[in-house]
C-alpha atoms as a PDB file:
ATOM      1  CA  MET A   1      17.835  13.610  -0.818  1.00  0.00           C
ATOM      2  CA  GLU A   2      14.832  13.180  -3.090  1.00  0.00           C
ATOM      3  CA  ASP A   3      15.455  12.339  -6.713  1.00  0.00           C
ATOM      4  CA  ILE A   4      12.868  13.914  -9.034  1.00  0.00           C
ATOM      5  CA  LYS A   5      12.989  13.233 -12.762  1.00  0.00           C
ATOM      6  CA  ASN A   6      10.743  13.280 -15.797  1.00  0.00           C
ATOM      7  CA  TYR A   7       9.755   9.720 -16.550  1.00  0.00           C
ATOM      8  CA  ARG A   8      10.212  10.046 -20.313  1.00  0.00           C
ATOM      9  CA  ASN A   9      13.939  10.563 -19.830  1.00  0.00           C
ATOM     10  CA  GLN A  10      14.411   7.357 -17.842  1.00  0.00           C
ATOM     11  CA  SER A  11      15.817   4.024 -18.935  1.00  0.00           C
ATOM     12  CA  PRO A  12      13.630   1.333 -20.542  1.00  0.00           C
ATOM     13  CA  ASP A  13      13.856  -0.600 -17.263  1.00  0.00           C
ATOM     14  CA  LEU A  14      11.866   2.089 -15.469  1.00  0.00           C
ATOM     15  CA  ARG A  15       9.286   2.244 -18.233  1.00  0.00           C
ATOM     16  CA  GLU A  16       8.986  -1.512 -17.946  1.00  0.00           C
ATOM     17  CA  SER A  17       8.412  -1.181 -14.185  1.00  0.00           C
ATOM     18  CA  LEU A  18       5.478   1.131 -14.785  1.00  0.00           C
ATOM     19  CA  GLU A  19       4.048  -1.133 -17.470  1.00  0.00           C
ATOM     20  CA  LYS A  20       4.247  -4.111 -15.093  1.00  0.00           C
ATOM     21  CA  ALA A  21       2.308  -2.304 -12.375  1.00  0.00           C
ATOM     22  CA  PRO A  22      -1.074  -4.065 -12.005  1.00  0.00           C
ATOM     23  CA  PHE A  23      -3.032  -0.921 -12.810  1.00  0.00           C
ATOM     24  CA  PHE A  24      -1.364  -0.559 -16.225  1.00  0.00           C
ATOM     25  CA  SER A  25      -1.246  -4.256 -17.080  1.00  0.00           C
ATOM     26  CA  GLU A  26      -2.470  -4.873 -20.640  1.00  0.00           C
ATOM     27  CA  LEU A  27      -3.484  -1.256 -21.224  1.00  0.00           C
ATOM     28  CA  PRO A  28      -3.085  -0.275 -24.901  1.00  0.00           C
ATOM     29  CA  GLU A  29      -0.027   1.663 -25.999  1.00  0.00           C
ATOM     30  CA  GLU A  30      -1.959   4.904 -26.516  1.00  0.00           C
ATOM     31  CA  SER A  31      -3.119   4.809 -22.897  1.00  0.00           C
ATOM     32  CA  LEU A  32       0.428   4.271 -21.667  1.00  0.00           C
ATOM     33  CA  GLU A  33       1.625   7.157 -23.816  1.00  0.00           C
ATOM     34  CA  LEU A  34      -1.029   9.386 -22.250  1.00  0.00           C
ATOM     35  CA  VAL A  35       0.196   8.450 -18.784  1.00  0.00           C
ATOM     36  CA  MET A  36       3.881   8.841 -19.576  1.00  0.00           C
ATOM     37  CA  SER A  37       3.527  12.161 -21.377  1.00  0.00           C
ATOM     38  CA  HIS A  38       3.451  14.032 -18.051  1.00  0.00           C
ATOM     39  CA  ALA A  39       4.634  11.372 -15.600  1.00  0.00           C
ATOM     40  CA  VAL A  40       7.197  12.335 -12.967  1.00  0.00           C
ATOM     41  CA  LEU A  41       9.340   9.879 -11.029  1.00  0.00           C
ATOM     42  CA  ARG A  42      10.195  10.572  -7.385  1.00  0.00           C
ATOM     43  CA  SER A  43      12.351   8.670  -4.916  1.00  0.00           C
ATOM     44  CA  HIS A  44      11.558   9.356  -1.259  1.00  0.00           C
ATOM     45  CA  PRO A  45      13.369   8.296   1.920  1.00  0.00           C
ATOM     46  CA  ALA A  46      11.515   6.586   4.753  1.00  0.00           C
ATOM     47  CA  ASN A  47       9.264   8.704   6.994  1.00  0.00           C
ATOM     48  CA  ARG A  48       8.570  11.295   4.318  1.00  0.00           C
ATOM     49  CA  VAL A  49       5.077  12.818   4.096  1.00  0.00           C
ATOM     50  CA  ILE A  50       4.069  12.690   0.441  1.00  0.00           C
ATOM     51  CA  LEU A  51       0.370  13.580   0.746  1.00  0.00           C
ATOM     52  CA  LEU A  52      -1.303  15.779   3.342  1.00  0.00           C
ATOM     53  CA  GLU A  53      -4.888  15.598   4.503  1.00  0.00           C
ATOM     54  CA  SER A  54      -6.943  18.595   3.319  1.00  0.00           C
ATOM     55  CA  ASP A  55      -4.540  19.383   0.458  1.00  0.00           C
ATOM     56  CA  TRP A  56      -6.133  19.590  -2.974  1.00  0.00           C
ATOM     57  CA  GLY A  57      -5.553  16.539  -5.153  1.00  0.00           C
ATOM     58  CA  GLY A  58      -3.534  17.799  -8.081  1.00  0.00           C
ATOM     59  CA  SER A  59      -1.875  14.454  -8.844  1.00  0.00           C
ATOM     60  CA  VAL A  60      -2.422  10.702  -8.656  1.00  0.00           C
ATOM     61  CA  TYR A  61       0.431   8.479  -7.489  1.00  0.00           C
ATOM     62  CA  PHE A  62       1.524   4.964  -8.464  1.00  0.00           C
ATOM     63  CA  ILE A  63       3.887   3.135  -6.111  1.00  0.00           C
ATOM     64  CA  LEU A  64       6.684   1.448  -8.059  1.00  0.00           C
ATOM     65  CA  ASP A  65       8.656   0.273  -5.028  1.00  0.00           C
ATOM     66  CA  GLY A  66       8.462   0.603  -1.249  1.00  0.00           C
ATOM     67  CA  TRP A  67       5.711   0.895   1.368  1.00  0.00           C
ATOM     68  CA  VAL A  68       3.416   3.800   2.216  1.00  0.00           C
ATOM     69  CA  LYS A  69       1.182   4.302   5.249  1.00  0.00           C
ATOM     70  CA  ILE A  70      -2.247   5.876   4.793  1.00  0.00           C
ATOM     71  CA  ARG A  71      -3.320   7.571   8.009  1.00  0.00           C
ATOM     72  CA  THR A  72      -5.786   9.975   9.555  1.00  0.00           C
ATOM     73  CA  HIS A  73      -6.525  11.174  13.099  1.00  0.00           C
ATOM     74  CA  ASN A  74      -9.557  10.514  15.272  1.00  0.00           C
ATOM     75  CA  VAL A  75     -11.518  13.153  17.195  1.00  0.00           C
ATOM     76  CA  ASP A  76      -9.028  12.894  20.067  1.00  0.00           C
ATOM     77  CA  GLY A  77      -6.112  13.607  17.754  1.00  0.00           C
ATOM     78  CA  LYS A  78      -4.788  10.044  17.899  1.00  0.00           C
ATOM     79  CA  GLU A  79      -3.183   8.730  14.730  1.00  0.00           C
ATOM     80  CA  VAL A  80      -5.112   5.941  13.007  1.00  0.00           C
ATOM     81  CA  THR A  81      -3.476   3.834  10.288  1.00  0.00           C
ATOM     82  CA  LEU A  82      -6.107   3.037   7.674  1.00  0.00           C
ATOM     83  CA  ASN A  83      -3.958   1.081   5.270  1.00  0.00           C
ATOM     84  CA  ILE A  84      -0.420   0.201   4.269  1.00  0.00           C
ATOM     85  CA  VAL A  85       0.119  -0.028   0.530  1.00  0.00           C
ATOM     86  CA  GLY A  86       3.041  -1.070  -1.609  1.00  0.00           C
ATOM     87  CA  LYS A  87       4.281  -1.757  -5.099  1.00  0.00           C
ATOM     88  CA  GLY A  88       1.568  -1.545  -7.747  1.00  0.00           C
ATOM     89  CA  GLU A  89      -0.904   0.408  -5.614  1.00  0.00           C
ATOM     90  CA  VAL A  90      -2.588   3.711  -6.485  1.00  0.00           C
ATOM     91  CA  ILE A  91      -2.985   6.596  -4.032  1.00  0.00           C
ATOM     92  CA  GLY A  92      -4.588  10.001  -4.356  1.00  0.00           C
ATOM     93  CA  GLU A  93      -7.234   8.842  -6.822  1.00  0.00           C
ATOM     94  CA  MET A  94     -10.234   9.752  -4.651  1.00  0.00           C
ATOM     95  CA  ALA A  95      -9.358  13.434  -4.417  1.00  0.00           C
ATOM     96  CA  ALA A  96      -8.726  13.509  -8.175  1.00  0.00           C
ATOM     97  CA  LEU A  97     -12.094  11.966  -9.008  1.00  0.00           C
ATOM     98  CA  GLU A  98     -14.069  14.024  -6.504  1.00  0.00           C
ATOM     99  CA  GLU A  99     -12.165  17.264  -7.174  1.00  0.00           C
ATOM    100  CA  ALA A 100     -11.985  17.628  -3.412  1.00  0.00           C
ATOM    101  CA  PRO A 101      -9.286  17.961  -0.737  1.00  0.00           C
ATOM    102  CA  ARG A 102      -7.480  14.802   0.318  1.00  0.00           C
ATOM    103  CA  SER A 103      -9.041  12.897   3.212  1.00  0.00           C
ATOM    104  CA  THR A 104      -5.856  11.234   4.530  1.00  0.00           C
ATOM    105  CA  ASP A 105      -2.099  11.620   4.864  1.00  0.00           C
ATOM    106  CA  ALA A 106       0.358   9.336   3.066  1.00  0.00           C
ATOM    107  CA  ILE A 107       3.782   8.697   4.621  1.00  0.00           C
ATOM    108  CA  THR A 108       6.586   6.460   3.382  1.00  0.00           C
ATOM    109  CA  LEU A 109       7.575   3.628   5.722  1.00  0.00           C
ATOM    110  CA  THR A 110      10.578   2.569   3.643  1.00  0.00           C
ATOM    111  CA  PRO A 111      12.581   4.152   0.809  1.00  0.00           C
ATOM    112  CA  THR A 112       9.919   4.456  -1.862  1.00  0.00           C
ATOM    113  CA  THR A 113       9.789   5.152  -5.589  1.00  0.00           C
ATOM    114  CA  ILE A 114       6.607   6.730  -6.911  1.00  0.00           C
ATOM    115  CA  SER A 115       5.417   7.894 -10.310  1.00  0.00           C
ATOM    116  CA  SER A 116       2.811  10.651 -10.383  1.00  0.00           C
ATOM    117  CA  ILE A 117       0.604  12.039 -13.129  1.00  0.00           C
ATOM    118  CA  PRO A 118      -1.659  15.105 -13.135  1.00  0.00           C
ATOM    119  CA  ALA A 119      -5.140  14.422 -11.806  1.00  0.00           C
ATOM    120  CA  GLN A 120      -6.720  15.513 -15.087  1.00  0.00           C
ATOM    121  CA  ASP A 121      -4.569  13.028 -17.025  1.00  0.00           C
ATOM    122  CA  PHE A 122      -5.857  10.293 -14.715  1.00  0.00           C
ATOM    123  CA  VAL A 123      -9.466  11.346 -15.271  1.00  0.00           C
ATOM    124  CA  ASN A 124      -8.869  11.500 -19.036  1.00  0.00           C
ATOM    125  CA  LEU A 125      -7.413   7.991 -18.922  1.00  0.00           C
ATOM    126  CA  LEU A 126     -10.516   6.642 -17.190  1.00  0.00           C
ATOM    127  CA  ASN A 127     -12.768   8.419 -19.687  1.00  0.00           C
ATOM    128  CA  SER A 128     -10.888   7.121 -22.720  1.00  0.00           C
ATOM    129  CA  ASP A 129      -9.967   3.569 -21.700  1.00  0.00           C
ATOM    130  CA  PRO A 130     -12.616   1.233 -20.209  1.00  0.00           C
ATOM    131  CA  LEU A 131      -9.929  -1.176 -19.000  1.00  0.00           C
ATOM    132  CA  ALA A 132      -8.430   1.571 -16.833  1.00  0.00           C
ATOM    133  CA  GLY A 133     -11.847   1.963 -15.227  1.00  0.00           C
ATOM    134  CA  VAL A 134     -11.958  -1.774 -14.566  1.00  0.00           C
ATOM    135  CA  ARG A 135      -8.494  -1.615 -12.983  1.00  0.00           C
ATOM    136  CA  LEU A 136      -9.630   1.157 -10.645  1.00  0.00           C
ATOM    137  CA  ALA A 137     -12.752  -0.814  -9.718  1.00  0.00           C
ATOM    138  CA  GLN A 138     -10.535  -3.805  -8.881  1.00  0.00           C
ATOM    139  CA  VAL A 139      -8.365  -1.645  -6.626  1.00  0.00           C
ATOM    140  CA  MET A 140     -11.405  -0.312  -4.765  1.00  0.00           C
ATOM    141  CA  SER A 141     -12.984  -3.772  -4.498  1.00  0.00           C
ATOM    142  CA  LYS A 142      -9.816  -5.216  -2.986  1.00  0.00           C
ATOM    143  CA  ARG A 143      -9.643  -2.444  -0.400  1.00  0.00           C
ATOM    144  CA  LEU A 144     -13.290  -2.930   0.555  1.00  0.00           C
ATOM    145  CA  ARG A 145     -12.840  -6.687   0.911  1.00  0.00           C
ATOM    146  CA  GLN A 146      -9.813  -6.193   3.162  1.00  0.00           C
ATOM    147  CA  LEU A 147     -11.684  -3.646   5.271  1.00  0.00           C
ATOM    148  CA  ASN A 148     -14.679  -5.961   5.679  1.00  0.00           C
ATOM    149  CA  ARG A 149     -12.417  -8.757   6.857  1.00  0.00           C
ATOM    150  CA  ARG A 150     -10.678  -6.546   9.395  1.00  0.00           C
ATOM    151  CA  LEU A 151     -14.021  -5.318  10.743  1.00  0.00           C
ATOM    152  CA  ARG A 152     -15.277  -8.891  11.158  1.00  0.00           C
ATOM    153  CA  LEU A 153     -12.243  -9.709  13.279  1.00  0.00           C
ATOM    154  CA  ARG A 154     -12.566  -6.715  15.613  1.00  0.00           C
ATOM    155  CA  GLU A 155     -14.047  -8.972  18.311  1.00  0.00           C
ATOM    156  CA  ALA A 156     -11.585 -11.829  17.756  1.00  0.00           C
ATOM    157  CA  ASP A 157      -8.753 -12.663  20.155  1.00  0.00           C
ATOM    158  CA  SER A 158      -5.505 -10.722  19.923  1.00  0.00           C
ATOM    159  CA  LEU A 159      -3.502 -13.535  18.301  1.00  0.00           C
ATOM    160  CA  SER A 160      -6.073 -13.837  15.507  1.00  0.00           C
ATOM    161  CA  ARG A 161      -6.056 -10.092  14.910  1.00  0.00           C
ATOM    162  CA  VAL A 162      -2.276  -9.916  14.668  1.00  0.00           C
ATOM    163  CA  ALA A 163      -2.226 -12.958  12.372  1.00  0.00           C
ATOM    164  CA  ASP A 164      -4.845 -11.293  10.183  1.00  0.00           C
ATOM    165  CA  THR A 165      -2.792  -8.090  10.056  1.00  0.00           C
ATOM    166  CA  LEU A 166       0.224 -10.041   8.806  1.00  0.00           C
ATOM    167  CA  LEU A 167      -1.927 -11.798   6.201  1.00  0.00           C
ATOM    168  CA  PHE A 168      -3.331  -8.434   5.147  1.00  0.00           C
ATOM    169  CA  LEU A 169       0.192  -7.127   4.555  1.00  0.00           C
ATOM    170  CA  ALA A 170       1.248 -10.326   2.788  1.00  0.00           C
ATOM    171  CA  GLU A 171      -1.743 -10.148   0.465  1.00  0.00           C
ATOM    172  CA  GLY A 172      -0.949  -6.557  -0.358  1.00  0.00           C
ATOM    173  CA  GLN A 173       2.751  -6.819  -1.112  1.00  0.00           C
ATOM    174  CA  GLY A 174       4.196 -10.083   0.158  1.00  0.00           C
ATOM    175  CA  LYS A 175       7.313 -11.325  -1.615  1.00  0.00           C
ATOM    176  CA  GLU A 176       7.492 -15.072  -2.171  1.00  0.00           C
ATOM    177  CA  THR A 177      10.834 -16.700  -1.338  1.00  0.00           C
ATOM    178  CA  THR A 178      12.076 -20.245  -0.838  1.00  0.00           C
ATOM    179  CA  GLN A 179      11.402 -19.911   2.909  1.00  0.00           C
ATOM    180  CA  GLY A 180       7.961 -18.357   2.693  1.00  0.00           C
ATOM    181  CA  VAL A 181       6.415 -14.932   2.140  1.00  0.00           C
ATOM    182  CA  GLU A 182       8.395 -11.888   3.228  1.00  0.00           C
ATOM    183  CA  ILE A 183       6.917  -8.584   4.361  1.00  0.00           C
ATOM    184  CA  PRO A 184       8.597  -5.574   5.996  1.00  0.00           C
ATOM    185  CA  ASN A 185       9.178  -6.010   9.731  1.00  0.00           C
ATOM    186  CA  LEU A 186       7.173  -2.903  10.572  1.00  0.00           C
ATOM    187  CA  PRO A 187       7.434  -1.100  13.918  1.00  0.00           C
ATOM    188  CA  HIS A 188       4.994  -2.511  16.452  1.00  0.00           C
ATOM    189  CA  ARG A 189       3.234   0.849  16.686  1.00  0.00           C
ATOM    190  CA  GLU A 190       2.196   0.474  13.030  1.00  0.00           C
ATOM    191  CA  LEU A 191       0.892  -3.063  13.568  1.00  0.00           C
ATOM    192  CA  SER A 192      -0.866  -1.798  16.685  1.00  0.00           C
ATOM    193  CA  SER A 193      -2.643   0.921  14.735  1.00  0.00           C
ATOM    194  CA  ILE A 194      -3.756  -1.460  11.978  1.00  0.00           C
ATOM    195  CA  SER A 195      -4.957  -4.209  14.320  1.00  0.00           C
ATOM    196  CA  GLY A 196      -6.503  -1.901  16.918  1.00  0.00           C
ATOM    197  CA  LEU A 197      -4.500  -3.549  19.701  1.00  0.00           C
ATOM    198  CA  ALA A 198      -2.136  -2.125  22.291  1.00  0.00           C
ATOM    199  CA  ARG A 199       1.514  -2.159  21.259  1.00  0.00           C
ATOM    200  CA  GLU A 200       2.421  -4.496  24.134  1.00  0.00           C
ATOM    201  CA  THR A 201      -0.288  -6.933  23.009  1.00  0.00           C
ATOM    202  CA  VAL A 202       1.093  -6.911  19.476  1.00  0.00           C
ATOM    203  CA  THR A 203       4.577  -7.645  20.805  1.00  0.00           C
ATOM    204  CA  ARG A 204       3.333 -10.618  22.850  1.00  0.00           C
ATOM    205  CA  SER A 205       1.333 -11.984  19.924  1.00  0.00           C
ATOM    206  CA  LEU A 206       4.286 -11.784  17.544  1.00  0.00           C
ATOM    207  CA  THR A 207       6.419 -13.629  20.080  1.00  0.00           C
ATOM    208  CA  LYS A 208       3.770 -16.376  20.300  1.00  0.00           C
ATOM    209  CA  LEU A 209       3.643 -16.711  16.513  1.00  0.00           C
ATOM    210  CA  GLU A 210       7.420 -16.922  16.410  1.00  0.00           C
ATOM    211  CA  LYS A 211       7.477 -19.625  19.098  1.00  0.00           C
ATOM    212  CA  LYS A 212       4.932 -21.582  17.065  1.00  0.00           C
ATOM    213  CA  ARG A 213       7.415 -21.339  14.162  1.00  0.00           C
ATOM    214  CA  LEU A 214       4.859 -19.580  11.984  1.00  0.00           C
ATOM    215  CA  ILE A 215       6.954 -16.456  11.449  1.00  0.00           C
ATOM    216  CA  LYS A 216      10.554 -15.324  11.724  1.00  0.00           C
ATOM    217  CA  ARG A 217      11.722 -11.760  12.310  1.00  0.00           C
ATOM    218  CA  GLU A 218      15.147 -10.686  11.160  1.00  0.00           C
ATOM    219  CA  ASP A 219      16.234  -7.049  10.850  1.00  0.00           C
ATOM    220  CA  ASP A 220      13.850  -5.329   8.413  1.00  0.00           C
ATOM    221  CA  ILE A 221      12.132  -8.508   7.194  1.00  0.00           C
ATOM    222  CA  LEU A 222       9.357 -10.638   8.674  1.00  0.00           C
ATOM    223  CA  CYS A 223       8.986 -14.027   6.990  1.00  0.00           C
ATOM    224  CA  ILE A 224       5.695 -15.941   7.106  1.00  0.00           C
ATOM    225  CA  PHE A 225       6.562 -19.595   6.593  1.00  0.00           C
ATOM    226  CA  SER A 226       3.040 -20.686   5.610  1.00  0.00           C
ATOM    227  CA  LEU A 227       0.084 -18.448   4.808  1.00  0.00           C
ATOM    228  CA  ASP A 228      -2.264 -21.414   5.234  1.00  0.00           C
ATOM    229  CA  SER A 229      -0.991 -22.082   8.753  1.00  0.00           C
ATOM    230  CA  LEU A 230      -1.492 -18.441   9.655  1.00  0.00           C
ATOM    231  CA  GLU A 231      -5.009 -18.590   8.191  1.00  0.00           C
ATOM    232  CA  GLN A 232      -5.802 -21.476  10.533  1.00  0.00           C
ATOM    233  CA  ILE A 233      -5.111 -19.202  13.504  1.00  0.00           C
ATOM    234  CA  ILE A 234      -8.062 -16.985  12.572  1.00  0.00           C
ATOM    235  CA  SER A 235     -10.434 -19.634  11.183  1.00  0.00           C
END
């Protein structure tokens, strides 16, 4: 069951979580107050559609915890995963800025906690706080850089493309541990959609990486022992 609450009524720990999100880092108190005045907190289970393509963008969403898939469909109706985003990311901002329908779907891959604010509040924040505009530019720049890298590797061998997909996920929301960097052990169909490879090819490539002792898969977690070693696969 979804848990929907007004953010202002939450504990200081939740306010602190929002303040620690990269987008809001170092924003002045008045900007945070503007955001929190109408913020709503939602907890979603896995596999829940939270944004629909062609819907009008009435809100902007900030991921506080969990993973969300951004997808669309090609002309043949096949699902295409454009991105997987996690804690600290912003979604729904394009429709808010363009005052246009959404161009993609957003679906939770894991239990996910999201804070949303009205689109107009987001626009007002950008108009009133230059640092918020810089934060948005940083988000867009990061996405473009990741996309450029993935496009450059479209002609690479399958092992390199799977390694790059894992690095892409680690860069987005990898969690550093004593063993290495942990990311969700996503279904192979999701990795297939991101890498542009057949699911069977993804499975074989992951097995090769595991045999090389570069990764370890266990239940819901995939651990990358060394990002540098994985980088060497694609260099």
